[in-house]
Amino acid sequence: MPSPLPVRAQRAGTWAWLLLALTAALATGCAPASVLTAPAGIEPAAEIVFLDAHAAAAFLAMPGDMALIELGNTPLRRAGVQVAFYPLVLLNLLDFRAPPTNYFHVEFVRDITPEQGLRTWGFSPILRSYHPDEYRNAGTYQIMRMKDFPAASAAALRRDASAEYPRTGFCGDYVAWCFEDRIYSWWNRAPGLQRVLVNYWPPEAIHTGDHIAWSPDTTAICRVVRGARFSPELVDAQYLAAEVARGVASDHEAIRRHAAAVRARLIAAGALDETGRAKAAVVRLRVPSTP
């Protein structure tokens, strides 16, 4: 009769391989779905063509948004990088999130201009210095927005302009600092207790890209893959019109200026009427790489 020890060892090894495979699969997972995605089955009634995916992202983004740069451009690379980011995996587990790490850098969108597109500012925890527009070098990134838009974004832009960040922590900690650390996990929703946990519970206090992406306080706007593919291609015109209207009414000049430019382009494309109301149900955002 064989000893039960080898059998148990084999079972343990099997479970280890299954866990590794599951982790790799999750590591290749998709980013949060954009709230702007149009309902299925509705034909687009307006179309806007962009030079590239970065230009399309700049169109949908707003000053005060966040650019989350993903770990890798391919599933294999994303799975391999998990080893280097093992400490962040532990933070995810302690903060009751799925273990794989999906994002390695976070930047704050300071401004958006017709000439340069997204103008971002990111903090490097290793060099303890700031670097602009790293999202362009990475190529694959997600634009996130605080749900309390535009009030939270306007306040964050002003705080960022104060240049008072103490240059500590992760890149995501700088972005969260701009929002006064009011980016909480799904389980940390009790008023009052939120502030205690975000100050004293390390997994909640350390704002990684995944912490920001999966927080109920943020929402996904769009995604660029390898600098070429863009999503969502089909956008809900009514939702977009409402976001633009909120931006135009902002008390921050950068948000107000960009929102007005987006509204003007939507009107020219026939997606909105002159009052800013949606004329079409769906708008197609087309870039050269999108068939």
Protein backbone atom coordinates (compact mmCIF):
# COMPACT_ATOMS: atom_id res chain seq x y z
CA MET A 1 0.00 0.00 0.00
CA PRO A 2 1.52 3.32 -1.05
CA SER A 3 2.28 5.90 1.60
CA PRO A 4 -0.27 8.73 1.77
CA LEU A 5 2.54 11.29 1.87
CA PRO A 6 3.46 11.10 -1.84
CA VAL A 7 -0.25 11.25 -2.74
CA ARG A 8 -0.70 14.35 -0.61
CA ALA A 9 2.43 15.85 -2.12
CA GLN A 10 1.09 15.19 -5.61
CA ARG A 11 -2.23 16.79 -4.72
CA ALA A 12 -0.45 19.77 -3.22
CA GLY A 13 1.62 20.11 -6.36
CA THR A 14 -1.49 19.91 -8.52
CA TRP A 15 -3.20 22.62 -6.51
CA ALA A 16 -0.06 24.76 -6.70
CA TRP A 17 -0.02 24.47 -10.49
CA LEU A 18 -3.73 25.25 -10.68
CA LEU A 19 -3.25 28.29 -8.47
CA LEU A 20 -0.35 29.45 -10.63
CA ALA A 21 -2.39 28.99 -13.79
CA LEU A 22 -5.31 30.89 -12.27
CA THR A 23 -3.02 33.72 -11.19
CA ALA A 24 -1.56 33.93 -14.69
CA ALA A 25 -5.04 33.96 -16.19
CA LEU A 26 -6.17 36.70 -13.86
CA ALA A 27 -3.00 38.64 -14.55
CA THR A 28 -4.02 38.84 -18.19
CA GLY A 29 -7.46 40.04 -17.21
CA CYS A 30 -9.27 42.97 -18.66
CA ALA A 31 -9.41 46.47 -17.29
CA PRO A 32 -12.64 47.84 -15.79
CA ALA A 33 -15.29 48.40 -18.46
CA SER A 34 -15.86 51.98 -19.56
CA VAL A 35 -19.04 53.65 -18.35
CA LEU A 36 -19.25 55.36 -21.75
CA THR A 37 -19.70 52.12 -23.69
CA ALA A 38 -22.87 52.23 -25.78
CA PRO A 39 -25.61 49.60 -25.38
CA ALA A 40 -25.29 46.65 -27.72
CA GLY A 41 -27.40 46.42 -30.86
CA ILE A 42 -27.74 50.15 -31.58
CA GLU A 43 -26.22 51.47 -34.80
CA PRO A 44 -24.03 54.57 -34.47
CA ALA A 45 -25.56 57.72 -35.93
CA ALA A 46 -22.44 59.91 -35.71
CA GLU A 47 -18.73 59.31 -36.22
CA ILE A 48 -15.54 61.13 -35.25
CA VAL A 49 -12.19 60.15 -36.77
CA PHE A 50 -8.93 60.64 -34.86
CA LEU A 51 -5.31 60.60 -35.95
CA ASP A 52 -4.42 57.89 -33.43
CA ALA A 53 -5.58 56.18 -30.24
CA HIS A 54 -3.86 58.76 -28.00
CA ALA A 55 -5.93 61.52 -29.62
CA ALA A 56 -9.13 59.56 -29.01
CA ALA A 57 -8.17 59.10 -25.35
CA ALA A 58 -7.48 62.82 -25.02
CA PHE A 59 -10.94 63.50 -26.45
CA LEU A 60 -12.76 61.41 -23.83
CA ALA A 61 -10.51 62.28 -20.89
CA MET A 62 -10.81 65.39 -18.74
CA PRO A 63 -8.23 67.35 -16.73
CA GLY A 64 -8.15 65.82 -13.26
CA ASP A 65 -8.46 62.27 -14.57
CA MET A 66 -5.90 59.51 -13.93
CA ALA A 67 -3.81 57.51 -16.41
CA LEU A 68 -3.08 53.98 -15.17
CA ILE A 69 -0.27 52.31 -17.09
CA GLU A 70 -0.61 48.54 -17.39
CA LEU A 71 2.12 45.99 -16.63
CA GLY A 72 2.58 44.70 -20.16
CA ASN A 73 1.22 44.67 -23.68
CA THR A 74 0.80 40.88 -23.94
CA PRO A 75 -0.70 38.24 -21.61
CA LEU A 76 2.65 36.41 -21.39
CA ARG A 77 4.53 39.53 -20.36
CA ARG A 78 1.84 40.52 -17.86
CA ALA A 79 2.02 37.07 -16.26
CA GLY A 80 5.83 37.14 -16.10
CA VAL A 81 6.02 40.57 -14.48
CA GLN A 82 3.88 39.32 -11.59
CA VAL A 83 7.03 37.85 -10.01
CA ALA A 84 8.70 41.27 -9.80
CA PHE A 85 5.53 42.76 -8.32
CA TYR A 86 5.03 40.05 -5.70
CA PRO A 87 4.98 42.53 -2.76
CA LEU A 88 2.07 44.35 -4.38
CA VAL A 89 0.26 41.03 -4.72
CA LEU A 90 0.45 40.70 -0.94
CA LEU A 91 -1.00 44.20 -0.56
CA ASN A 92 -3.88 43.21 -2.83
CA LEU A 93 -4.62 40.16 -0.70
CA LEU A 94 -4.53 42.15 2.55
CA ASP A 95 -6.87 44.70 1.00
CA PHE A 96 -9.32 41.95 -0.09
CA ARG A 97 -8.63 42.23 -3.82
CA ALA A 98 -7.69 39.66 -6.46
CA PRO A 99 -3.94 38.90 -6.11
CA PRO A 100 -2.61 39.73 -9.61
CA THR A 101 -1.20 43.21 -10.19
CA ASN A 102 -2.43 44.86 -13.38
CA TYR A 103 -0.92 48.36 -13.21
CA PHE A 104 2.64 49.48 -12.45
CA HIS A 105 2.41 53.27 -12.74
CA VAL A 106 -0.21 55.99 -12.24
CA GLU A 107 -0.18 59.56 -13.55
CA PHE A 108 -2.34 62.61 -12.94
CA VAL A 109 -3.86 64.37 -15.97
CA ARG A 110 -2.94 68.01 -15.47
CA ASP A 111 -4.26 69.34 -18.75
CA ILE A 112 -5.40 68.42 -22.26
CA THR A 113 -4.49 70.53 -25.28
CA PRO A 114 -5.30 70.16 -29.00
CA GLU A 115 -1.59 70.21 -29.86
CA GLN A 116 -0.18 67.84 -27.24
CA GLY A 117 -3.18 65.81 -26.10
CA LEU A 118 -2.99 64.43 -22.57
CA ARG A 119 -0.51 66.27 -20.37
CA THR A 120 0.22 64.02 -17.40
CA TRP A 121 2.43 64.27 -14.34
CA GLY A 122 3.70 61.24 -12.44
CA PHE A 123 5.79 60.66 -9.34
CA SER A 124 8.68 58.17 -9.35
CA PRO A 125 9.11 56.60 -5.88
CA ILE A 126 12.57 55.28 -6.77
CA LEU A 127 14.03 58.57 -8.03
CA ARG A 128 11.73 60.67 -5.83
CA SER A 129 11.13 62.99 -8.74
CA TYR A 130 8.40 63.82 -11.24
CA HIS A 131 8.19 62.80 -14.88
CA PRO A 132 5.66 63.90 -17.51
CA ASP A 133 3.73 61.88 -20.07
CA GLU A 134 5.11 58.40 -19.31
CA TYR A 135 1.87 56.90 -20.63
CA ARG A 136 3.08 57.51 -24.19
CA ASN A 137 6.19 55.37 -23.65
CA ALA A 138 4.17 52.54 -22.11
CA GLY A 139 1.53 52.48 -24.83
CA THR A 140 -1.10 50.52 -22.88
CA TYR A 141 -3.04 52.50 -20.31
CA GLN A 142 -6.47 53.12 -18.85
CA ILE A 143 -8.07 56.50 -18.13
CA MET A 144 -9.96 56.60 -14.83
CA ARG A 145 -12.13 59.39 -13.38
CA MET A 146 -13.45 60.16 -9.93
CA LYS A 147 -17.21 59.63 -9.81
CA ASP A 148 -17.61 62.97 -8.08
CA PHE A 149 -16.80 64.80 -11.31
CA PRO A 150 -16.10 67.67 -11.79
CA ALA A 151 -15.91 68.81 -8.15
CA ALA A 152 -13.30 66.22 -7.11
CA SER A 153 -11.26 66.78 -10.27
CA ALA A 154 -11.24 70.57 -9.87
CA ALA A 155 -10.13 70.30 -6.23
CA ALA A 156 -7.41 67.78 -7.22
CA LEU A 157 -6.07 70.10 -9.93
CA ARG A 158 -5.77 72.91 -7.42
CA ARG A 159 -4.05 70.67 -4.86
CA ASP A 160 -1.63 69.39 -7.50
CA ALA A 161 -0.80 73.00 -8.45
CA SER A 162 0.13 73.72 -4.83
CA ALA A 163 3.24 71.49 -5.20
CA GLU A 164 3.05 70.49 -1.53
CA TYR A 165 3.27 66.72 -1.97
CA PRO A 166 5.95 65.37 0.44
CA ARG A 167 7.39 62.98 -2.20
CA THR A 168 6.86 59.77 -0.30
CA GLY A 169 5.15 56.48 -1.07
CA PHE A 170 4.16 55.02 -4.43
CA CYS A 171 3.24 56.82 -7.65
CA GLY A 172 -0.41 56.11 -6.85
CA ASP A 173 -0.01 57.76 -3.45
CA TYR A 174 0.80 61.05 -5.18
CA VAL A 175 -2.33 60.79 -7.33
CA ALA A 176 -4.45 59.81 -4.32
CA TRP A 177 -2.96 62.75 -2.38
CA CYS A 178 -4.29 65.09 -5.08
CA PHE A 179 -7.76 63.75 -4.20
CA GLU A 180 -7.09 64.04 -0.44
CA ASP A 181 -6.83 60.23 -0.21
CA ARG A 182 -10.57 59.88 -0.84
CA ILE A 183 -10.15 56.76 -2.98
CA TYR A 184 -11.35 53.87 -0.84
CA SER A 185 -11.67 50.12 -1.34
CA TRP A 186 -15.00 48.38 -1.93
CA TRP A 187 -15.17 47.20 1.69
CA ASN A 188 -14.17 50.52 3.29
CA ARG A 189 -17.43 52.46 2.96
CA ALA A 190 -18.37 53.44 6.54
CA PRO A 191 -18.15 57.25 6.93
CA GLY A 192 -15.62 58.28 9.55
CA LEU A 193 -14.05 54.83 9.68
CA GLN A 194 -12.91 55.35 6.09
CA ARG A 195 -10.47 58.04 7.14
CA VAL A 196 -9.11 55.97 10.01
CA LEU A 197 -8.40 52.95 7.81
CA VAL A 198 -6.91 54.97 4.95
CA ASN A 199 -4.51 56.57 7.45
CA TYR A 200 -3.53 53.55 9.56
CA TRP A 201 -4.21 50.29 7.64
CA PRO A 202 -1.22 49.98 5.25
CA PRO A 203 -2.95 48.05 2.43
CA GLU A 204 -5.65 50.74 2.34
CA ALA A 205 -3.23 53.63 2.85
CA ILE A 206 -0.91 52.56 0.02
CA HIS A 207 -2.58 53.49 -3.26
CA THR A 208 -1.39 51.19 -6.01
CA GLY A 209 -2.79 51.37 -9.53
CA ASP A 210 -5.04 48.38 -8.82
CA HIS A 211 -6.32 50.03 -5.64
CA ILE A 212 -7.35 53.07 -7.69
CA ALA A 213 -8.76 51.10 -10.63
CA TRP A 214 -11.03 48.85 -8.58
CA SER A 215 -12.24 51.45 -6.08
CA PRO A 216 -15.98 52.26 -6.16
CA ASP A 217 -14.93 55.93 -6.09
CA THR A 218 -13.44 55.78 -9.59
CA THR A 219 -14.82 54.85 -12.96
CA ALA A 220 -13.21 53.78 -16.26
CA ILE A 221 -13.41 56.12 -19.24
CA CYS A 222 -11.31 54.58 -22.01
CA ARG A 223 -8.33 52.35 -22.77
CA VAL A 224 -5.45 52.44 -25.24
CA VAL A 225 -3.62 49.20 -26.09
CA ARG A 226 -0.07 49.29 -27.50
CA GLY A 227 -0.61 52.90 -28.54
CA ALA A 228 -2.85 51.74 -31.40
CA ARG A 229 -6.13 50.10 -30.36
CA PHE A 230 -8.74 52.17 -28.57
CA SER A 231 -11.88 51.33 -26.64
CA PRO A 232 -14.74 51.96 -26.35
CA GLU A 233 -15.22 52.45 -30.07
CA LEU A 234 -18.97 52.95 -29.64
CA VAL A 235 -19.91 55.54 -27.03
CA ASP A 236 -23.26 56.25 -25.39
CA ALA A 237 -24.04 59.77 -26.65
CA GLN A 238 -26.39 60.66 -23.79
CA TYR A 239 -23.88 59.68 -21.12
CA LEU A 240 -21.12 61.56 -22.92
CA ALA A 241 -23.34 64.64 -23.31
CA ALA A 242 -24.03 64.60 -19.56
CA GLU A 243 -20.32 64.35 -18.70
CA VAL A 244 -19.51 67.20 -21.08
CA ALA A 245 -22.28 69.35 -19.60
CA ARG A 246 -20.86 68.80 -16.12
CA GLY A 247 -17.41 69.73 -17.40
CA VAL A 248 -18.63 72.93 -19.06
CA ALA A 249 -20.23 73.95 -15.75
CA SER A 250 -17.02 73.34 -13.76
CA ASP A 251 -15.41 76.14 -11.81
CA HIS A 252 -11.95 75.09 -13.06
CA GLU A 253 -10.82 76.73 -16.27
CA ALA A 254 -8.89 73.73 -17.65
CA ILE A 255 -11.88 71.39 -17.27
CA ARG A 256 -14.27 73.98 -18.64
CA ARG A 257 -12.05 74.71 -21.67
CA HIS A 258 -11.57 71.07 -22.66
CA ALA A 259 -15.25 70.19 -22.11
CA ALA A 260 -16.26 73.10 -24.37
CA ALA A 261 -13.88 71.86 -27.10
CA VAL A 262 -15.30 68.32 -26.85
CA ARG A 263 -18.86 69.62 -27.05
CA ALA A 264 -18.04 71.72 -30.12
CA ARG A 265 -16.61 68.67 -31.88
CA LEU A 266 -19.63 66.55 -30.95
CA ILE A 267 -21.94 69.24 -32.33
CA ALA A 268 -19.94 69.41 -35.57
CA ALA A 269 -20.22 65.61 -35.90
CA GLY A 270 -23.99 65.73 -35.46
CA ALA A 271 -23.92 63.88 -32.14
CA LEU A 272 -25.25 66.85 -30.14
CA ASP A 273 -27.53 69.75 -30.98
CA GLU A 274 -26.58 73.38 -30.38
CA THR A 275 -27.84 73.22 -26.79
CA GLY A 276 -25.58 70.25 -25.98
CA ARG A 277 -28.31 67.59 -25.96
CA ALA A 278 -27.71 64.23 -27.62
CA LYS A 279 -29.11 63.90 -31.14
CA ALA A 280 -27.68 60.42 -31.72
CA ALA A 281 -27.88 57.39 -29.47
CA VAL A 282 -24.36 56.20 -30.29
CA VAL A 283 -21.16 57.88 -31.43
CA ARG A 284 -18.40 55.94 -33.16
CA LEU A 285 -14.85 56.98 -32.28
CA ARG A 286 -12.65 55.68 -35.08
CA VAL A 287 -8.85 55.52 -35.22
CA PRO A 288 -6.78 54.18 -38.14
CA SER A 289 -6.01 50.89 -36.37
CA THR A 290 -9.70 50.19 -35.76
CA PRO A 291 -11.32 48.40 -38.73
